[in-house]
């Protein structure tokens, strides 16, 4: 008696690729959260950076591997209780980038294998999202301690991503309105 393996249908395969794409996106979002942490709460300390200095810092940090960013964060004082979460997310990111499909090459041959892929991707997405949330909470606490609301910080961050550079003072004013303590 021979058993037949249920072949995955096109929709199931599309779902695997869609969830892979979402997991990779979440890994990149985490990377940007780590960069934010290294330029704010775990950044240059009380030294106020000029726009050019901040731009240079972003460039230097962005050129590092994710492992190097995590090591820099650890050395800068990221809470020890957060490190296992960050390390696990880093492992997920590296698995996605370097071996995920190769490790599951045979799983695409069956519907059950595709369901295993989906389950693993959903777990990775949750870990990556949770880690990003915890890192962003650290950054938001820093911002609040420096008089920057979460809403303003997120608006500035979104504008920087949209424009592709560190914002000047006038650009910050354009995004969030004139800052307190500054003449209108």
C-alpha atoms as a PDB file:
ATOM      1  CA  UNK A   1       0.000   0.000   0.000  1.00  0.00           C
ATOM      2  CA  UNK A   2       1.527   3.282  -1.013  1.00  0.00           C
ATOM      3  CA  UNK A   3       0.686   6.578   0.599  1.00  0.00           C
ATOM      4  CA  UNK A   4       0.437   9.748  -1.376  1.00  0.00           C
ATOM      5  CA  UNK A   5       1.730  13.022  -0.107  1.00  0.00           C
ATOM      6  CA  UNK A   6      -0.692  15.917  -0.326  1.00  0.00           C
ATOM      7  CA  UNK A   7       0.833  18.500  -2.657  1.00  0.00           C
ATOM      8  CA  UNK A   8       0.634  22.132  -1.586  1.00  0.00           C
ATOM      9  CA  UNK A   9      -1.711  24.291  -3.604  1.00  0.00           C
ATOM     10  CA  UNK A  10      -0.624  27.645  -5.033  1.00  0.00           C
ATOM     11  CA  UNK A  11      -2.388  29.605  -2.280  1.00  0.00           C
ATOM     12  CA  UNK A  12      -0.502  27.754   0.460  1.00  0.00           C
ATOM     13  CA  UNK A  13       2.827  28.382  -1.270  1.00  0.00           C
ATOM     14  CA  UNK A  14       1.926  32.078  -1.719  1.00  0.00           C
ATOM     15  CA  UNK A  15       1.085  32.245   1.988  1.00  0.00           C
ATOM     16  CA  UNK A  16       4.523  30.850   2.874  1.00  0.00           C
ATOM     17  CA  UNK A  17       6.243  33.479   0.734  1.00  0.00           C
ATOM     18  CA  UNK A  18       4.030  36.263   2.114  1.00  0.00           C
ATOM     19  CA  UNK A  19       4.852  35.287   5.703  1.00  0.00           C
ATOM     20  CA  UNK A  20       8.537  35.012   4.852  1.00  0.00           C
ATOM     21  CA  UNK A  21       8.391  38.552   3.461  1.00  0.00           C
ATOM     22  CA  UNK A  22       6.651  39.807   6.596  1.00  0.00           C
ATOM     23  CA  UNK A  23       9.245  38.121   8.824  1.00  0.00           C
ATOM     24  CA  UNK A  24      12.098  39.740   6.866  1.00  0.00           C
ATOM     25  CA  UNK A  25      10.338  43.109   7.096  1.00  0.00           C
ATOM     26  CA  UNK A  26      10.012  42.690  10.872  1.00  0.00           C
ATOM     27  CA  UNK A  27      13.724  41.839  11.065  1.00  0.00           C
ATOM     28  CA  UNK A  28      14.531  45.093   9.249  1.00  0.00           C
ATOM     29  CA  UNK A  29      12.203  47.032  11.557  1.00  0.00           C
ATOM     30  CA  UNK A  30      14.093  45.565  14.506  1.00  0.00           C
ATOM     31  CA  UNK A  31      17.388  46.644  12.964  1.00  0.00           C
ATOM     32  CA  UNK A  32      16.122  50.238  12.686  1.00  0.00           C
ATOM     33  CA  UNK A  33      14.931  50.100  16.294  1.00  0.00           C
ATOM     34  CA  UNK A  34      18.431  49.047  17.335  1.00  0.00           C
ATOM     35  CA  UNK A  35      19.881  51.957  15.344  1.00  0.00           C
ATOM     36  CA  UNK A  36      17.470  54.330  17.084  1.00  0.00           C
ATOM     37  CA  UNK A  37      18.528  52.946  20.447  1.00  0.00           C
ATOM     38  CA  UNK A  38      22.198  53.482  19.580  1.00  0.00           C
ATOM     39  CA  UNK A  39      21.617  57.093  18.578  1.00  0.00           C
ATOM     40  CA  UNK A  40      19.428  57.955  21.563  1.00  0.00           C
ATOM     41  CA  UNK A  41      19.364  56.160  24.906  1.00  0.00           C
ATOM     42  CA  UNK A  42      22.545  54.150  24.238  1.00  0.00           C
ATOM     43  CA  UNK A  43      24.132  56.818  22.083  1.00  0.00           C
ATOM     44  CA  UNK A  44      26.723  59.512  22.607  1.00  0.00           C
ATOM     45  CA  UNK A  45      25.529  60.461  26.097  1.00  0.00           C
ATOM     46  CA  UNK A  46      24.788  64.047  27.041  1.00  0.00           C
ATOM     47  CA  UNK A  47      26.735  65.391  24.068  1.00  0.00           C
ATOM     48  CA  UNK A  48      24.428  67.194  21.665  1.00  0.00           C
ATOM     49  CA  UNK A  49      25.268  66.148  18.133  1.00  0.00           C
ATOM     50  CA  UNK A  50      25.022  68.379  15.123  1.00  0.00           C
ATOM     51  CA  UNK A  51      22.929  67.204  12.188  1.00  0.00           C
ATOM     52  CA  UNK A  52      26.124  66.223  10.327  1.00  0.00           C
ATOM     53  CA  UNK A  53      27.474  64.315  13.336  1.00  0.00           C
ATOM     54  CA  UNK A  54      24.190  62.477  13.785  1.00  0.00           C
ATOM     55  CA  UNK A  55      24.081  61.661  10.060  1.00  0.00           C
ATOM     56  CA  UNK A  56      27.643  60.284  10.298  1.00  0.00           C
ATOM     57  CA  UNK A  57      26.707  58.226  13.373  1.00  0.00           C
ATOM     58  CA  UNK A  58      23.747  56.706  11.513  1.00  0.00           C
ATOM     59  CA  UNK A  59      25.985  55.888   8.531  1.00  0.00           C
ATOM     60  CA  UNK A  60      28.621  54.258  10.735  1.00  0.00           C
ATOM     61  CA  UNK A  61      26.081  52.221  12.673  1.00  0.00           C
ATOM     62  CA  UNK A  62      24.167  51.252   9.542  1.00  0.00           C
ATOM     63  CA  UNK A  63      27.355  49.843   8.023  1.00  0.00           C
ATOM     64  CA  UNK A  64      27.724  47.373  10.907  1.00  0.00           C
ATOM     65  CA  UNK A  65      26.359  43.876  10.931  1.00  0.00           C
ATOM     66  CA  UNK A  66      23.368  43.200  13.134  1.00  0.00           C
ATOM     67  CA  UNK A  67      25.601  41.128  15.423  1.00  0.00           C
ATOM     68  CA  UNK A  68      27.944  44.109  15.815  1.00  0.00           C
ATOM     69  CA  UNK A  69      24.973  46.384  16.607  1.00  0.00           C
ATOM     70  CA  UNK A  70      23.780  43.988  19.300  1.00  0.00           C
ATOM     71  CA  UNK A  71      27.291  43.799  20.771  1.00  0.00           C
ATOM     72  CA  UNK A  72      27.518  47.604  20.769  1.00  0.00           C
ATOM     73  CA  UNK A  73      24.147  47.832  22.512  1.00  0.00           C
ATOM     74  CA  UNK A  74      25.250  45.306  25.115  1.00  0.00           C
ATOM     75  CA  UNK A  75      28.445  47.263  25.745  1.00  0.00           C
ATOM     76  CA  UNK A  76      26.462  50.526  25.943  1.00  0.00           C
ATOM     77  CA  UNK A  77      24.219  49.187  28.683  1.00  0.00           C
ATOM     78  CA  UNK A  78      21.163  47.536  27.128  1.00  0.00           C
ATOM     79  CA  UNK A  79      19.440  45.854  30.097  1.00  0.00           C
ATOM     80  CA  UNK A  80      20.765  42.327  30.637  1.00  0.00           C
ATOM     81  CA  UNK A  81      17.217  40.949  30.852  1.00  0.00           C
ATOM     82  CA  UNK A  82      16.564  42.180  27.293  1.00  0.00           C
ATOM     83  CA  UNK A  83      19.693  40.582  25.795  1.00  0.00           C
ATOM     84  CA  UNK A  84      18.278  37.010  25.444  1.00  0.00           C
ATOM     85  CA  UNK A  85      15.267  38.416  23.561  1.00  0.00           C
ATOM     86  CA  UNK A  86      17.542  40.422  21.264  1.00  0.00           C
ATOM     87  CA  UNK A  87      19.889  37.466  20.710  1.00  0.00           C
ATOM     88  CA  UNK A  88      16.972  35.170  19.800  1.00  0.00           C
ATOM     89  CA  UNK A  89      15.644  37.764  17.362  1.00  0.00           C
ATOM     90  CA  UNK A  90      19.134  38.029  15.858  1.00  0.00           C
ATOM     91  CA  UNK A  91      19.219  34.244  15.401  1.00  0.00           C
ATOM     92  CA  UNK A  92      15.804  34.407  13.694  1.00  0.00           C
ATOM     93  CA  UNK A  93      16.988  37.194  11.396  1.00  0.00           C
ATOM     94  CA  UNK A  94      20.139  35.291  10.458  1.00  0.00           C
ATOM     95  CA  UNK A  95      18.176  32.096   9.824  1.00  0.00           C
ATOM     96  CA  UNK A  96      15.795  34.008   7.549  1.00  0.00           C
ATOM     97  CA  UNK A  97      18.602  35.713   5.650  1.00  0.00           C
ATOM     98  CA  UNK A  98      20.987  32.816   5.280  1.00  0.00           C
ATOM     99  CA  UNK A  99      19.336  29.428   5.503  1.00  0.00           C
ATOM    100  CA  UNK A 100      15.578  29.373   5.913  1.00  0.00           C
ATOM    101  CA  UNK A 101      14.595  28.136   2.461  1.00  0.00           C
ATOM    102  CA  UNK A 102      17.610  25.890   2.087  1.00  0.00           C
ATOM    103  CA  UNK A 103      16.842  24.210   5.415  1.00  0.00           C
ATOM    104  CA  UNK A 104      13.230  23.680   4.296  1.00  0.00           C
ATOM    105  CA  UNK A 105      13.812  22.800   0.647  1.00  0.00           C
ATOM    106  CA  UNK A 106      11.961  19.497   0.913  1.00  0.00           C
ATOM    107  CA  UNK A 107       9.075  20.980   2.886  1.00  0.00           C
ATOM    108  CA  UNK A 108       7.764  22.716  -0.224  1.00  0.00           C
ATOM    109  CA  UNK A 109       6.986  19.307  -1.683  1.00  0.00           C
ATOM    110  CA  UNK A 110       4.059  18.737   0.679  1.00  0.00           C
ATOM    111  CA  UNK A 111       1.160  20.643   2.140  1.00  0.00           C
ATOM    112  CA  UNK A 112       2.173  19.471   5.620  1.00  0.00           C
ATOM    113  CA  UNK A 113       5.711  20.766   5.055  1.00  0.00           C
ATOM    114  CA  UNK A 114       4.348  24.142   3.973  1.00  0.00           C
ATOM    115  CA  UNK A 115       2.232  24.255   7.133  1.00  0.00           C
ATOM    116  CA  UNK A 116       5.410  23.615   9.184  1.00  0.00           C
ATOM    117  CA  UNK A 117       7.076  26.501   7.358  1.00  0.00           C
ATOM    118  CA  UNK A 118       4.140  28.763   8.162  1.00  0.00           C
ATOM    119  CA  UNK A 119       4.192  27.772  11.834  1.00  0.00           C
ATOM    120  CA  UNK A 120       7.901  28.537  12.100  1.00  0.00           C
ATOM    121  CA  UNK A 121       7.497  31.860  10.290  1.00  0.00           C
ATOM    122  CA  UNK A 122       4.630  32.900  12.554  1.00  0.00           C
ATOM    123  CA  UNK A 123       6.753  32.134  15.630  1.00  0.00           C
ATOM    124  CA  UNK A 124       9.644  34.169  14.196  1.00  0.00           C
ATOM    125  CA  UNK A 125       7.326  37.071  13.381  1.00  0.00           C
ATOM    126  CA  UNK A 126       6.071  37.105  16.966  1.00  0.00           C
ATOM    127  CA  UNK A 127       9.585  37.030  18.446  1.00  0.00           C
ATOM    128  CA  UNK A 128      10.828  39.767  16.102  1.00  0.00           C
ATOM    129  CA  UNK A 129       7.804  41.953  16.788  1.00  0.00           C
ATOM    130  CA  UNK A 130       8.071  41.465  20.559  1.00  0.00           C
ATOM    131  CA  UNK A 131      11.768  42.312  20.521  1.00  0.00           C
ATOM    132  CA  UNK A 132      11.192  45.448  18.450  1.00  0.00           C
ATOM    133  CA  UNK A 133       8.479  46.525  20.866  1.00  0.00           C
ATOM    134  CA  UNK A 134      10.771  46.107  23.860  1.00  0.00           C
ATOM    135  CA  UNK A 135      13.635  48.019  22.209  1.00  0.00           C
ATOM    136  CA  UNK A 136      11.261  50.789  21.094  1.00  0.00           C
ATOM    137  CA  UNK A 137       9.928  51.033  24.665  1.00  0.00           C
ATOM    138  CA  UNK A 138      13.509  51.719  25.821  1.00  0.00           C
ATOM    139  CA  UNK A 139      13.862  54.455  23.203  1.00  0.00           C
ATOM    140  CA  UNK A 140      10.473  55.971  24.068  1.00  0.00           C
ATOM    141  CA  UNK A 141      11.420  56.071  27.780  1.00  0.00           C
ATOM    142  CA  UNK A 142      14.605  57.911  26.809  1.00  0.00           C
ATOM    143  CA  UNK A 143      12.661  60.320  24.610  1.00  0.00           C
ATOM    144  CA  UNK A 144      10.129  61.037  27.366  1.00  0.00           C
ATOM    145  CA  UNK A 145      12.964  61.728  29.819  1.00  0.00           C
ATOM    146  CA  UNK A 146      14.250  64.299  27.304  1.00  0.00           C
ATOM    147  CA  UNK A 147      10.860  65.958  26.814  1.00  0.00           C
ATOM    148  CA  UNK A 148      10.029  64.250  23.511  1.00  0.00           C
ATOM    149  CA  UNK A 149       6.601  62.630  23.281  1.00  0.00           C
ATOM    150  CA  UNK A 150       6.258  59.184  21.749  1.00  0.00           C
ATOM    151  CA  UNK A 151       4.072  60.719  19.042  1.00  0.00           C
ATOM    152  CA  UNK A 152       6.702  63.344  18.164  1.00  0.00           C
ATOM    153  CA  UNK A 153       9.558  60.831  18.258  1.00  0.00           C
ATOM    154  CA  UNK A 154       7.689  58.441  15.965  1.00  0.00           C
ATOM    155  CA  UNK A 155       6.738  61.269  13.577  1.00  0.00           C
ATOM    156  CA  UNK A 156      10.368  62.423  13.360  1.00  0.00           C
ATOM    157  CA  UNK A 157      11.562  58.847  12.848  1.00  0.00           C
ATOM    158  CA  UNK A 158       9.003  58.244  10.084  1.00  0.00           C
ATOM    159  CA  UNK A 159      10.011  61.486   8.358  1.00  0.00           C
ATOM    160  CA  UNK A 160      13.688  60.507   8.539  1.00  0.00           C
ATOM    161  CA  UNK A 161      12.929  57.141   6.946  1.00  0.00           C
ATOM    162  CA  UNK A 162      10.769  58.798   4.300  1.00  0.00           C
ATOM    163  CA  UNK A 163      13.359  61.463   3.472  1.00  0.00           C
ATOM    164  CA  UNK A 164      16.395  59.257   3.855  1.00  0.00           C
ATOM    165  CA  UNK A 165      18.389  61.572   6.110  1.00  0.00           C
ATOM    166  CA  UNK A 166      18.642  63.029   9.603  1.00  0.00           C
ATOM    167  CA  UNK A 167      16.287  65.989   9.879  1.00  0.00           C
ATOM    168  CA  UNK A 168      17.510  69.531  10.372  1.00  0.00           C
ATOM    169  CA  UNK A 169      15.943  71.689  13.082  1.00  0.00           C
ATOM    170  CA  UNK A 170      13.652  73.367  10.567  1.00  0.00           C
ATOM    171  CA  UNK A 171      12.579  69.974   9.193  1.00  0.00           C
ATOM    172  CA  UNK A 172      11.780  68.781  12.726  1.00  0.00           C
ATOM    173  CA  UNK A 173       9.659  71.922  13.183  1.00  0.00           C
ATOM    174  CA  UNK A 174       7.935  71.159   9.886  1.00  0.00           C
ATOM    175  CA  UNK A 175       7.089  67.627  11.077  1.00  0.00           C
ATOM    176  CA  UNK A 176       6.012  68.306  14.678  1.00  0.00           C
ATOM    177  CA  UNK A 177       5.532  72.064  14.787  1.00  0.00           C
ATOM    178  CA  UNK A 178       7.685  74.634  16.554  1.00  0.00           C
ATOM    179  CA  UNK A 179       9.455  73.133  19.551  1.00  0.00           C
ATOM    180  CA  UNK A 180       8.826  74.296  23.081  1.00  0.00           C
ATOM    181  CA  UNK A 181      11.298  76.842  24.366  1.00  0.00           C
ATOM    182  CA  UNK A 182      12.031  78.098  20.871  1.00  0.00           C
ATOM    183  CA  UNK A 183      10.560  81.351  19.598  1.00  0.00           C
ATOM    184  CA  UNK A 184       7.799  80.738  17.070  1.00  0.00           C
END
